[in-house]
Amino acid sequence: MSFQLPKLPYAYDALEPHIDALTMEIHHSKHHNGYTTNLNNAIAGTDLESKDILDILADMDMDNAAVRNNGGGFYNHDLFWKVMSPNGGGTPSGALAEAINAAYGSFDSFKEAFSKAAATRFGSGWAWLCVHKGGKVEVCSSANQDNPIMPGIGCGGAPILGLDVWEHAYYLNYQNRRPDYIKAFFNVINWEEVSRRYEEGK
């Protein structure tokens, strides 16, 4: 099977002023589309063609740069679009909020830990909130298009929130001010979707 570029669940300008329309359009139609095309090319004619993306990532041959980079790029961006919403922001509730409080003491402390993971990731990469079996949550980061589903990357468990800190995700609007972009991200987080992924992953 071949992978398709997922449609955004909102318009390119829907996350403004926090994430601008031009960045969203380029990020989705150029970068994510490129990862999708290159993933299909990388798995063509191999046994990976019959697998879904989660199986590909979990059994990743980490020496296969084409599948590693483009498979990660395909999955990571699909998650990224879905954990944002024009009606996002605020704080989580229910079991996810309890798990965050148990791990970090408070939402503000979690926010600080997640923001630090995103800000201190050198070069390109991602910050993640993951859930382990049993419900414990953990913040980590990964380089390039790696993610915690891959063997030996980050905190393990299932990623339920991810922030893209590649420069293409923010440079048009924020230039070198990555901390401002990270702060803005909290205004668009779709906590309902993150909570759904938490329940699914625990």
C-alpha atoms as a PDB file:
ATOM      1  CA  MET A   1       0.000   0.000   0.000  1.00  0.00           C
ATOM      2  CA  SER A   2       1.121   3.555  -0.481  1.00  0.00           C
ATOM      3  CA  PHE A   3       0.804   6.290   2.097  1.00  0.00           C
ATOM      4  CA  GLN A   4      -1.259   9.392   1.363  1.00  0.00           C
ATOM      5  CA  LEU A   5      -0.636  12.924   2.562  1.00  0.00           C
ATOM      6  CA  PRO A   6      -3.198  13.413   5.355  1.00  0.00           C
ATOM      7  CA  LYS A   7      -5.520  16.364   4.967  1.00  0.00           C
ATOM      8  CA  LEU A   8      -5.340  19.041   7.617  1.00  0.00           C
ATOM      9  CA  PRO A   9      -8.347  19.058   9.954  1.00  0.00           C
ATOM     10  CA  TYR A  10      -8.551  22.875   9.596  1.00  0.00           C
ATOM     11  CA  ALA A  11      -7.608  25.633   7.151  1.00  0.00           C
ATOM     12  CA  TYR A  12      -4.020  26.815   6.779  1.00  0.00           C
ATOM     13  CA  ASP A  13      -4.873  30.129   8.472  1.00  0.00           C
ATOM     14  CA  ALA A  14      -6.889  28.582  11.310  1.00  0.00           C
ATOM     15  CA  LEU A  15      -4.074  28.662  13.886  1.00  0.00           C
ATOM     16  CA  GLU A  16      -3.206  32.326  13.416  1.00  0.00           C
ATOM     17  CA  PRO A  17      -1.795  34.401  15.018  1.00  0.00           C
ATOM     18  CA  HIS A  18       0.091  31.629  16.816  1.00  0.00           C
ATOM     19  CA  ILE A  19       1.165  29.761  13.667  1.00  0.00           C
ATOM     20  CA  ASP A  20       0.876  31.710  10.435  1.00  0.00           C
ATOM     21  CA  ALA A  21      -0.906  30.502   7.291  1.00  0.00           C
ATOM     22  CA  LEU A  22       2.132  30.589   5.003  1.00  0.00           C
ATOM     23  CA  THR A  23       4.191  28.465   7.391  1.00  0.00           C
ATOM     24  CA  MET A  24       1.322  25.969   7.661  1.00  0.00           C
ATOM     25  CA  GLU A  25       0.883  25.794   3.888  1.00  0.00           C
ATOM     26  CA  ILE A  26       4.586  25.260   3.182  1.00  0.00           C
ATOM     27  CA  HIS A  27       4.979  22.857   6.105  1.00  0.00           C
ATOM     28  CA  HIS A  28       2.053  20.678   5.023  1.00  0.00           C
ATOM     29  CA  SER A  29       2.058  20.881   1.234  1.00  0.00           C
ATOM     30  CA  LYS A  30       5.840  20.862   0.761  1.00  0.00           C
ATOM     31  CA  HIS A  31       7.588  19.279   3.760  1.00  0.00           C
ATOM     32  CA  HIS A  32       4.986  16.710   4.846  1.00  0.00           C
ATOM     33  CA  ASN A  33       4.174  15.941   1.228  1.00  0.00           C
ATOM     34  CA  GLY A  34       7.875  15.375   0.574  1.00  0.00           C
ATOM     35  CA  TYR A  35       8.211  12.926   3.452  1.00  0.00           C
ATOM     36  CA  THR A  36       5.141  11.064   2.205  1.00  0.00           C
ATOM     37  CA  THR A  37       6.433  10.775  -1.360  1.00  0.00           C
ATOM     38  CA  ASN A  38       9.919   9.769  -0.247  1.00  0.00           C
ATOM     39  CA  LEU A  39       8.555   7.163   2.185  1.00  0.00           C
ATOM     40  CA  ASN A  40       6.561   5.551  -0.607  1.00  0.00           C
ATOM     41  CA  ASN A  41       9.654   5.509  -2.799  1.00  0.00           C
ATOM     42  CA  ALA A  42      11.781   4.030   0.003  1.00  0.00           C
ATOM     43  CA  ILE A  43       9.442   1.107   0.706  1.00  0.00           C
ATOM     44  CA  ALA A  44       8.470   0.368  -2.904  1.00  0.00           C
ATOM     45  CA  GLY A  45       9.124  -3.260  -3.765  1.00  0.00           C
ATOM     46  CA  THR A  46       9.937  -4.276  -0.175  1.00  0.00           C
ATOM     47  CA  ASP A  47       7.972  -6.156   2.474  1.00  0.00           C
ATOM     48  CA  LEU A  48       7.363  -2.817   4.208  1.00  0.00           C
ATOM     49  CA  GLU A  49       4.785  -1.955   1.542  1.00  0.00           C
ATOM     50  CA  SER A  50       2.245  -4.189   3.292  1.00  0.00           C
ATOM     51  CA  LYS A  51       2.797  -2.737   6.785  1.00  0.00           C
ATOM     52  CA  ASP A  52       1.155   0.211   8.495  1.00  0.00           C
ATOM     53  CA  ILE A  53       3.260   3.101   9.713  1.00  0.00           C
ATOM     54  CA  LEU A  54       3.270   2.063  13.379  1.00  0.00           C
ATOM     55  CA  ASP A  55       4.649  -1.385  12.525  1.00  0.00           C
ATOM     56  CA  ILE A  56       7.268   0.170  10.265  1.00  0.00           C
ATOM     57  CA  LEU A  57       8.399   2.518  13.038  1.00  0.00           C
ATOM     58  CA  ALA A  58       8.381  -0.060  15.820  1.00  0.00           C
ATOM     59  CA  ASP A  59      10.489  -2.528  13.803  1.00  0.00           C
ATOM     60  CA  MET A  60      12.677   0.145  12.244  1.00  0.00           C
ATOM     61  CA  ASP A  61      16.071  -0.781  10.863  1.00  0.00           C
ATOM     62  CA  MET A  62      17.806   2.306  12.231  1.00  0.00           C
ATOM     63  CA  ASP A  63      20.507   1.998   9.558  1.00  0.00           C
ATOM     64  CA  ASN A  64      17.908   2.462   6.806  1.00  0.00           C
ATOM     65  CA  ALA A  65      18.141   6.238   6.602  1.00  0.00           C
ATOM     66  CA  ALA A  66      15.502   6.689   3.889  1.00  0.00           C
ATOM     67  CA  VAL A  67      12.778   4.809   5.751  1.00  0.00           C
ATOM     68  CA  ARG A  68      13.860   6.156   9.150  1.00  0.00           C
ATOM     69  CA  ASN A  69      13.826   9.813   8.093  1.00  0.00           C
ATOM     70  CA  ASN A  70      10.767   9.739   5.860  1.00  0.00           C
ATOM     71  CA  GLY A  71       8.724   7.287   7.904  1.00  0.00           C
ATOM     72  CA  GLY A  72       9.360   9.426  10.967  1.00  0.00           C
ATOM     73  CA  GLY A  73       8.569  12.585   9.040  1.00  0.00           C
ATOM     74  CA  PHE A  74       5.318  11.119   7.748  1.00  0.00           C
ATOM     75  CA  TYR A  75       4.105   9.945  11.165  1.00  0.00           C
ATOM     76  CA  ASN A  76       5.374  12.874  13.236  1.00  0.00           C
ATOM     77  CA  HIS A  77       3.640  15.480  11.119  1.00  0.00           C
ATOM     78  CA  ASP A  78       0.380  13.535  11.025  1.00  0.00           C
ATOM     79  CA  LEU A  79       0.380  13.572  14.827  1.00  0.00           C
ATOM     80  CA  PHE A  80       1.450  17.231  14.944  1.00  0.00           C
ATOM     81  CA  TRP A  81      -1.505  18.487  12.869  1.00  0.00           C
ATOM     82  CA  LYS A  82      -3.988  16.493  14.933  1.00  0.00           C
ATOM     83  CA  VAL A  83      -2.787  17.640  18.354  1.00  0.00           C
ATOM     84  CA  MET A  84      -3.427  21.250  17.353  1.00  0.00           C
ATOM     85  CA  SER A  85      -6.764  22.999  16.944  1.00  0.00           C
ATOM     86  CA  PRO A  86      -8.108  26.516  16.345  1.00  0.00           C
ATOM     87  CA  ASN A  87     -10.067  25.961  19.570  1.00  0.00           C
ATOM     88  CA  GLY A  88      -7.052  24.670  21.454  1.00  0.00           C
ATOM     89  CA  GLY A  89      -5.167  25.940  24.436  1.00  0.00           C
ATOM     90  CA  GLY A  90      -6.114  25.834  28.071  1.00  0.00           C
ATOM     91  CA  THR A  91      -5.191  22.829  30.182  1.00  0.00           C
ATOM     92  CA  PRO A  92      -5.932  19.095  30.092  1.00  0.00           C
ATOM     93  CA  SER A  93      -8.545  17.509  32.314  1.00  0.00           C
ATOM     94  CA  GLY A  94      -9.484  14.103  33.653  1.00  0.00           C
ATOM     95  CA  ALA A  95      -7.059  11.195  33.699  1.00  0.00           C
ATOM     96  CA  LEU A  96      -4.447  12.960  31.579  1.00  0.00           C
ATOM     97  CA  ALA A  97      -4.353  15.934  33.950  1.00  0.00           C
ATOM     98  CA  GLU A  98      -3.970  13.543  36.884  1.00  0.00           C
ATOM     99  CA  ALA A  99      -1.107  11.727  35.135  1.00  0.00           C
ATOM    100  CA  ILE A 100       0.664  15.004  34.377  1.00  0.00           C
ATOM    101  CA  ASN A 101       0.260  16.162  37.973  1.00  0.00           C
ATOM    102  CA  ALA A 102       1.534  12.804  39.255  1.00  0.00           C
ATOM    103  CA  ALA A 103       4.638  12.977  37.067  1.00  0.00           C
ATOM    104  CA  TYR A 104       5.427  16.694  37.280  1.00  0.00           C
ATOM    105  CA  GLY A 105       3.593  18.060  40.296  1.00  0.00           C
ATOM    106  CA  SER A 106       1.535  20.576  38.332  1.00  0.00           C
ATOM    107  CA  PHE A 107       0.615  21.580  34.812  1.00  0.00           C
ATOM    108  CA  ASP A 108       2.953  24.568  35.031  1.00  0.00           C
ATOM    109  CA  SER A 109       5.861  22.291  35.931  1.00  0.00           C
ATOM    110  CA  PHE A 110       5.016  19.993  33.026  1.00  0.00           C
ATOM    111  CA  LYS A 111       4.835  22.992  30.702  1.00  0.00           C
ATOM    112  CA  GLU A 112       8.265  24.069  31.888  1.00  0.00           C
ATOM    113  CA  ALA A 113       9.724  20.587  31.319  1.00  0.00           C
ATOM    114  CA  PHE A 114       8.169  20.248  27.865  1.00  0.00           C
ATOM    115  CA  SER A 115       9.271  23.738  26.851  1.00  0.00           C
ATOM    116  CA  LYS A 116      12.814  23.020  28.034  1.00  0.00           C
ATOM    117  CA  ALA A 117      12.914  19.775  26.022  1.00  0.00           C
ATOM    118  CA  ALA A 118      11.821  21.703  22.931  1.00  0.00           C
ATOM    119  CA  ALA A 119      14.127  24.679  23.485  1.00  0.00           C
ATOM    120  CA  THR A 120      17.259  22.667  24.255  1.00  0.00           C
ATOM    121  CA  ARG A 121      16.941  20.158  21.400  1.00  0.00           C
ATOM    122  CA  PHE A 122      20.042  21.132  19.429  1.00  0.00           C
ATOM    123  CA  GLY A 123      19.473  21.566  15.720  1.00  0.00           C
ATOM    124  CA  SER A 124      16.367  19.908  14.317  1.00  0.00           C
ATOM    125  CA  GLY A 125      14.010  17.591  16.138  1.00  0.00           C
ATOM    126  CA  TRP A 126      10.895  17.155  18.245  1.00  0.00           C
ATOM    127  CA  ALA A 127       9.695  17.438  21.839  1.00  0.00           C
ATOM    128  CA  TRP A 128       7.305  14.739  23.034  1.00  0.00           C
ATOM    129  CA  LEU A 129       4.906  13.819  25.787  1.00  0.00           C
ATOM    130  CA  CYS A 130       4.632  10.033  25.900  1.00  0.00           C
ATOM    131  CA  VAL A 131       2.469   7.591  27.838  1.00  0.00           C
ATOM    132  CA  HIS A 132       3.762   4.272  29.106  1.00  0.00           C
ATOM    133  CA  LYS A 133       1.618   1.197  29.670  1.00  0.00           C
ATOM    134  CA  GLY A 134      -0.081   1.755  33.012  1.00  0.00           C
ATOM    135  CA  GLY A 135      -0.582   5.473  32.415  1.00  0.00           C
ATOM    136  CA  LYS A 136       2.665   7.146  33.484  1.00  0.00           C
ATOM    137  CA  VAL A 137       3.624  10.101  31.276  1.00  0.00           C
ATOM    138  CA  GLU A 138       7.094  11.350  30.398  1.00  0.00           C
ATOM    139  CA  VAL A 139       8.618  14.239  28.440  1.00  0.00           C
ATOM    140  CA  CYS A 140      11.550  13.690  26.099  1.00  0.00           C
ATOM    141  CA  SER A 141      12.943  14.896  22.796  1.00  0.00           C
ATOM    142  CA  SER A 142      14.374  13.301  19.680  1.00  0.00           C
ATOM    143  CA  ALA A 143      16.635  14.420  16.862  1.00  0.00           C
ATOM    144  CA  ASN A 144      15.641  14.965  13.243  1.00  0.00           C
ATOM    145  CA  GLN A 145      12.509  12.909  12.402  1.00  0.00           C
ATOM    146  CA  ASP A 146      13.071  10.217  15.018  1.00  0.00           C
ATOM    147  CA  ASN A 147      10.266   9.481  17.473  1.00  0.00           C
ATOM    148  CA  PRO A 148       9.771   7.403  20.626  1.00  0.00           C
ATOM    149  CA  ILE A 149       8.119   4.525  18.748  1.00  0.00           C
ATOM    150  CA  MET A 150      11.454   3.718  17.107  1.00  0.00           C
ATOM    151  CA  PRO A 151      13.874   1.365  18.899  1.00  0.00           C
ATOM    152  CA  GLY A 152      16.075   3.094  21.453  1.00  0.00           C
ATOM    153  CA  ILE A 153      14.778   6.619  20.859  1.00  0.00           C
ATOM    154  CA  GLY A 154      13.668   9.009  23.584  1.00  0.00           C
ATOM    155  CA  CYS A 155      11.373   7.954  26.373  1.00  0.00           C
ATOM    156  CA  GLY A 156       9.672   5.032  24.696  1.00  0.00           C
ATOM    157  CA  GLY A 157       5.974   4.527  25.132  1.00  0.00           C
ATOM    158  CA  ALA A 158       3.402   6.075  22.843  1.00  0.00           C
ATOM    159  CA  PRO A 159       3.784   9.729  21.810  1.00  0.00           C
ATOM    160  CA  ILE A 160       0.586  11.639  22.556  1.00  0.00           C
ATOM    161  CA  LEU A 161       1.831  15.211  22.042  1.00  0.00           C
ATOM    162  CA  GLY A 162       4.605  16.347  19.751  1.00  0.00           C
ATOM    163  CA  LEU A 163       6.108  19.719  18.873  1.00  0.00           C
ATOM    164  CA  ASP A 164       8.143  20.169  15.701  1.00  0.00           C
ATOM    165  CA  VAL A 165      11.206  22.320  16.415  1.00  0.00           C
ATOM    166  CA  TRP A 166      12.736  22.136  12.944  1.00  0.00           C
ATOM    167  CA  GLU A 167      13.286  25.690  11.730  1.00  0.00           C
ATOM    168  CA  HIS A 168      10.831  25.159   8.853  1.00  0.00           C
ATOM    169  CA  ALA A 169       8.081  24.903  11.485  1.00  0.00           C
ATOM    170  CA  TYR A 170       8.510  28.447  12.760  1.00  0.00           C
ATOM    171  CA  TYR A 171      11.210  30.493  11.048  1.00  0.00           C
ATOM    172  CA  LEU A 172       9.019  32.638   8.765  1.00  0.00           C
ATOM    173  CA  ASN A 173       7.191  34.102  11.744  1.00  0.00           C
ATOM    174  CA  TYR A 174       9.533  33.633  14.706  1.00  0.00           C
ATOM    175  CA  GLN A 175      12.988  33.627  13.051  1.00  0.00           C
ATOM    176  CA  ASN A 176      15.487  32.524  15.721  1.00  0.00           C
ATOM    177  CA  ARG A 177      13.019  32.998  18.594  1.00  0.00           C
ATOM    178  CA  ARG A 178      12.226  29.345  19.177  1.00  0.00           C
ATOM    179  CA  PRO A 179      11.071  29.960  22.781  1.00  0.00           C
ATOM    180  CA  ASP A 180       8.362  32.332  21.495  1.00  0.00           C
ATOM    181  CA  TYR A 181       7.134  29.647  19.082  1.00  0.00           C
ATOM    182  CA  ILE A 182       7.089  27.065  21.884  1.00  0.00           C
ATOM    183  CA  LYS A 183       5.063  29.422  24.062  1.00  0.00           C
ATOM    184  CA  ALA A 184       2.615  30.025  21.201  1.00  0.00           C
ATOM    185  CA  PHE A 185       2.155  26.280  20.686  1.00  0.00           C
ATOM    186  CA  PHE A 186       0.433  25.992  24.062  1.00  0.00           C
ATOM    187  CA  ASN A 187      -2.330  28.257  22.723  1.00  0.00           C
ATOM    188  CA  VAL A 188      -3.291  25.731  20.034  1.00  0.00           C
ATOM    189  CA  ILE A 189      -2.869  22.337  21.736  1.00  0.00           C
ATOM    190  CA  ASN A 190      -5.933  20.154  21.240  1.00  0.00           C
ATOM    191  CA  TRP A 191      -6.100  18.590  24.690  1.00  0.00           C
ATOM    192  CA  GLU A 192      -9.135  16.494  23.760  1.00  0.00           C
ATOM    193  CA  GLU A 193      -7.079  14.712  21.105  1.00  0.00           C
ATOM    194  CA  VAL A 194      -4.092  14.357  23.443  1.00  0.00           C
ATOM    195  CA  SER A 195      -6.393  12.858  26.088  1.00  0.00           C
ATOM    196  CA  ARG A 196      -7.825  10.431  23.525  1.00  0.00           C
ATOM    197  CA  ARG A 197      -4.305   9.300  22.638  1.00  0.00           C
ATOM    198  CA  TYR A 198      -3.474   9.001  26.340  1.00  0.00           C
ATOM    199  CA  GLU A 199      -6.414   6.650  26.936  1.00  0.00           C
ATOM    200  CA  GLU A 200      -5.483   4.645  23.854  1.00  0.00           C
ATOM    201  CA  GLY A 201      -1.819   4.391  24.781  1.00  0.00           C
ATOM    202  CA  LYS A 202      -2.003   3.575  28.471  1.00  0.00           C
END
